[in-house]
Amino acid sequence: MADGGVGTLIILIASLLISGIAGIVLIEAWGDVASANQSGVNARVADIETDVSFAGDPAMVPLDDSGGVGTYKITFIIQNSGSRVLDHTTLALFVDGVAFGDGSDQKLADGSAIPGDHKWGPGDLIVFEVTETAANEFNGFVDKTGITLTIVAESVVIAGHSGTDSETYEVRLNDTTP
């Protein structure tokens, strides 16, 4: 009888040790799942907080064709309408599907050049003066021409995540040539 009690006690202790080890493994695995889920949540939050928009009257986008074909210039004002700081060096502009902008065409709202360490904060404006890079890209653009403007922006990295936003607008050009 005493032998049966000791054997049962040994099995009980072994079972408790095994279940304790299994519990530790499950807790560790759950921690990894929770960490991965938090990373996904942070990435979605970054996207939600990143927003960019066209600022100005979409029916009156300035077109300067005074220099003739090959030198047409279109001016856009873009606003950081989200709550995150945006990286102006990664901003992409597309005019009727054609990519423009190498960063040299960006200016602050007051017309001054953007410093290299500029932080494009919420509510801030950046002015783009997009000039044709090859002859005839904007040929055919005249007063009242409707074009498609697409903006793609990325926020600065916070906690390992950056958000992105893209917006597409139908705008109409307004010839500002005197």
Protein backbone atom coordinates (compact mmCIF):
# COMPACT_ATOMS: atom_id res chain seq x y z
CA MET A 1 0.00 0.00 0.00
CA ALA A 2 2.81 2.38 0.88
CA ASP A 3 4.50 1.66 -2.43
CA GLY A 4 1.38 2.66 -4.35
CA GLY A 5 1.24 6.02 -2.54
CA VAL A 6 4.88 6.85 -3.29
CA GLY A 7 4.46 5.91 -6.98
CA THR A 8 1.38 8.09 -7.25
CA LEU A 9 3.21 10.95 -5.55
CA ILE A 10 6.11 10.65 -8.01
CA ILE A 11 3.71 10.70 -10.98
CA LEU A 12 1.93 13.72 -9.48
CA ILE A 13 5.19 15.66 -9.04
CA ALA A 14 6.35 14.74 -12.56
CA SER A 15 2.98 15.83 -13.99
CA LEU A 16 3.20 19.15 -12.13
CA LEU A 17 6.73 19.76 -13.45
CA ILE A 18 5.71 18.96 -17.02
CA SER A 19 2.61 21.16 -16.84
CA GLY A 20 4.69 23.98 -15.33
CA ILE A 21 7.19 23.74 -18.19
CA ALA A 22 4.35 23.64 -20.74
CA GLY A 23 2.82 26.71 -19.08
CA ILE A 24 6.11 28.59 -19.38
CA VAL A 25 6.38 27.66 -23.08
CA LEU A 26 2.78 28.80 -23.70
CA ILE A 27 3.34 32.10 -21.89
CA GLU A 28 6.50 32.71 -23.93
CA ALA A 29 4.65 31.93 -27.17
CA TRP A 30 1.77 34.21 -26.17
CA GLY A 31 4.26 37.02 -25.52
CA ASP A 32 5.60 36.63 -29.06
CA VAL A 33 2.05 36.69 -30.49
CA ALA A 34 1.19 39.80 -28.48
CA SER A 35 4.41 41.50 -29.60
CA ALA A 36 3.71 40.74 -33.27
CA ASN A 37 0.15 42.01 -32.87
CA GLN A 38 1.38 45.25 -31.27
CA SER A 39 3.78 45.79 -34.15
CA GLY A 40 0.90 45.41 -36.62
CA VAL A 41 -1.20 47.85 -34.59
CA ASN A 42 1.65 50.40 -34.57
CA ALA A 43 1.98 50.12 -38.35
CA ARG A 44 -1.77 50.70 -38.84
CA VAL A 45 -1.71 53.67 -36.45
CA ALA A 46 1.18 55.17 -38.44
CA ASP A 47 -0.88 54.89 -41.64
CA ILE A 48 -3.97 56.38 -39.99
CA GLU A 49 -2.01 59.34 -38.61
CA THR A 50 -0.28 60.04 -41.95
CA ASP A 51 -2.31 62.28 -44.25
CA VAL A 52 -1.44 64.67 -47.05
CA SER A 53 -3.77 66.84 -49.10
CA PHE A 54 -3.92 69.34 -51.90
CA ALA A 55 -4.15 72.87 -50.50
CA GLY A 56 -5.70 75.57 -52.60
CA ASP A 57 -8.45 75.83 -55.15
CA PRO A 58 -8.45 72.74 -57.39
CA ALA A 59 -10.15 74.80 -60.12
CA MET A 60 -7.35 77.42 -60.16
CA VAL A 61 -3.99 75.62 -60.31
CA PRO A 62 -1.41 78.07 -61.71
CA LEU A 63 0.09 77.24 -65.12
CA ASP A 64 2.94 79.41 -66.38
CA ASP A 65 3.61 78.84 -70.07
CA SER A 66 5.49 82.12 -70.64
CA GLY A 67 8.76 80.33 -71.49
CA GLY A 68 7.19 78.26 -74.25
CA VAL A 69 7.08 74.53 -74.81
CA GLY A 70 9.57 72.64 -72.68
CA THR A 71 9.50 75.21 -69.86
CA TYR A 72 5.87 75.11 -68.72
CA LYS A 73 5.57 75.33 -64.94
CA ILE A 74 2.68 74.17 -62.73
CA THR A 75 2.51 75.22 -59.07
CA PHE A 76 0.91 73.02 -56.39
CA ILE A 77 0.53 73.59 -52.68
CA ILE A 78 0.57 70.43 -50.57
CA GLN A 79 -0.41 70.32 -46.87
CA ASN A 80 0.47 67.85 -44.17
CA SER A 81 -3.10 67.28 -42.96
CA GLY A 82 -2.24 64.37 -40.66
CA SER A 83 -0.89 64.31 -37.11
CA ARG A 84 2.57 62.90 -37.89
CA VAL A 85 5.64 64.71 -39.16
CA LEU A 86 6.16 63.89 -42.85
CA ASP A 87 9.43 63.28 -44.65
CA HIS A 88 9.40 65.80 -47.51
CA THR A 89 12.32 64.01 -49.20
CA THR A 90 10.12 60.97 -49.94
CA LEU A 91 7.17 62.93 -51.32
CA ALA A 92 6.18 61.84 -54.82
CA LEU A 93 4.08 63.85 -57.27
CA PHE A 94 2.49 62.52 -60.44
CA VAL A 95 0.90 64.76 -63.09
CA ASP A 96 -1.33 62.69 -65.36
CA GLY A 97 0.63 59.61 -64.26
CA VAL A 98 4.09 61.08 -64.96
CA ALA A 99 6.40 61.33 -61.92
CA PHE A 100 7.89 64.75 -61.12
CA GLY A 101 10.03 66.24 -58.42
CA ASP A 102 13.53 65.62 -57.20
CA GLY A 103 13.22 67.78 -54.10
CA SER A 104 14.75 70.87 -55.70
CA ASP A 105 11.28 72.01 -56.76
CA GLN A 106 10.01 72.19 -53.16
CA LYS A 107 9.74 75.47 -51.26
CA LEU A 108 8.24 76.54 -47.97
CA ALA A 109 4.93 78.42 -48.07
CA ASP A 110 6.83 81.73 -47.78
CA GLY A 111 8.80 80.90 -50.96
CA SER A 112 12.09 80.16 -49.23
CA ALA A 113 14.11 77.01 -49.90
CA ILE A 114 13.52 74.01 -47.64
CA PRO A 115 16.45 73.35 -45.29
CA GLY A 116 17.82 69.80 -45.36
CA ASP A 117 16.74 69.12 -41.78
CA HIS A 118 13.23 70.54 -42.24
CA LYS A 119 10.44 68.83 -40.30
CA TRP A 120 7.16 68.92 -42.27
CA GLY A 121 4.84 69.15 -39.30
CA PRO A 122 1.05 68.84 -39.13
CA GLY A 123 -0.66 71.75 -40.87
CA ASP A 124 2.53 72.88 -42.66
CA LEU A 125 2.48 73.69 -46.38
CA ILE A 126 5.02 72.94 -49.09
CA VAL A 127 4.88 74.61 -52.51
CA PHE A 128 5.89 72.61 -55.59
CA GLU A 129 6.85 74.31 -58.82
CA VAL A 130 6.86 71.46 -61.31
CA THR A 131 8.62 72.27 -64.58
CA GLU A 132 8.68 70.07 -67.65
CA THR A 133 11.74 67.85 -67.67
CA ALA A 134 11.44 66.99 -71.37
CA ALA A 135 10.00 68.93 -74.26
CA ASN A 136 6.27 68.56 -74.73
CA GLU A 137 5.39 66.83 -71.41
CA PHE A 138 2.90 69.60 -70.70
CA ASN A 139 2.32 70.48 -74.35
CA GLY A 140 -1.41 70.74 -74.82
CA PHE A 141 -1.89 72.04 -71.30
CA VAL A 142 -3.68 75.33 -71.72
CA ASP A 143 -5.98 77.44 -69.61
CA LYS A 144 -8.84 75.33 -68.16
CA THR A 145 -7.13 71.98 -68.93
CA GLY A 146 -8.14 69.28 -66.44
CA ILE A 147 -5.31 67.11 -65.11
CA THR A 148 -4.91 64.39 -62.51
CA LEU A 149 -2.58 65.10 -59.59
CA THR A 150 -1.46 62.21 -57.39
CA ILE A 151 0.47 62.79 -54.17
CA VAL A 152 2.27 60.02 -52.23
CA ALA A 153 3.77 60.86 -48.83
CA GLU A 154 5.56 58.99 -46.05
CA SER A 155 5.90 59.98 -42.41
CA VAL A 156 9.14 59.90 -40.47
CA VAL A 157 9.85 56.63 -38.66
CA ILE A 158 8.52 56.49 -35.10
CA ALA A 159 8.88 53.32 -33.00
CA GLY A 160 10.08 51.43 -36.07
CA HIS A 161 7.12 52.35 -38.28
CA SER A 162 6.37 54.99 -40.87
CA GLY A 163 2.96 55.67 -42.33
CA THR A 164 2.08 56.33 -45.95
CA ASP A 165 -0.75 58.13 -47.65
CA SER A 166 -1.69 58.75 -51.26
CA GLU A 167 -4.31 61.10 -52.63
CA THR A 168 -5.48 61.70 -56.20
CA TYR A 169 -7.19 64.92 -57.28
CA GLU A 170 -8.73 66.15 -60.48
CA VAL A 171 -7.58 69.78 -60.86
CA ARG A 172 -7.99 72.46 -63.53
CA LEU A 173 -5.13 74.65 -64.74
CA ASN A 174 -5.37 78.41 -64.73
CA ASP A 175 -2.98 80.20 -67.11
CA THR A 176 -1.16 82.85 -65.09
CA THR A 177 0.96 84.12 -68.00
CA PRO A 178 0.67 87.89 -68.21
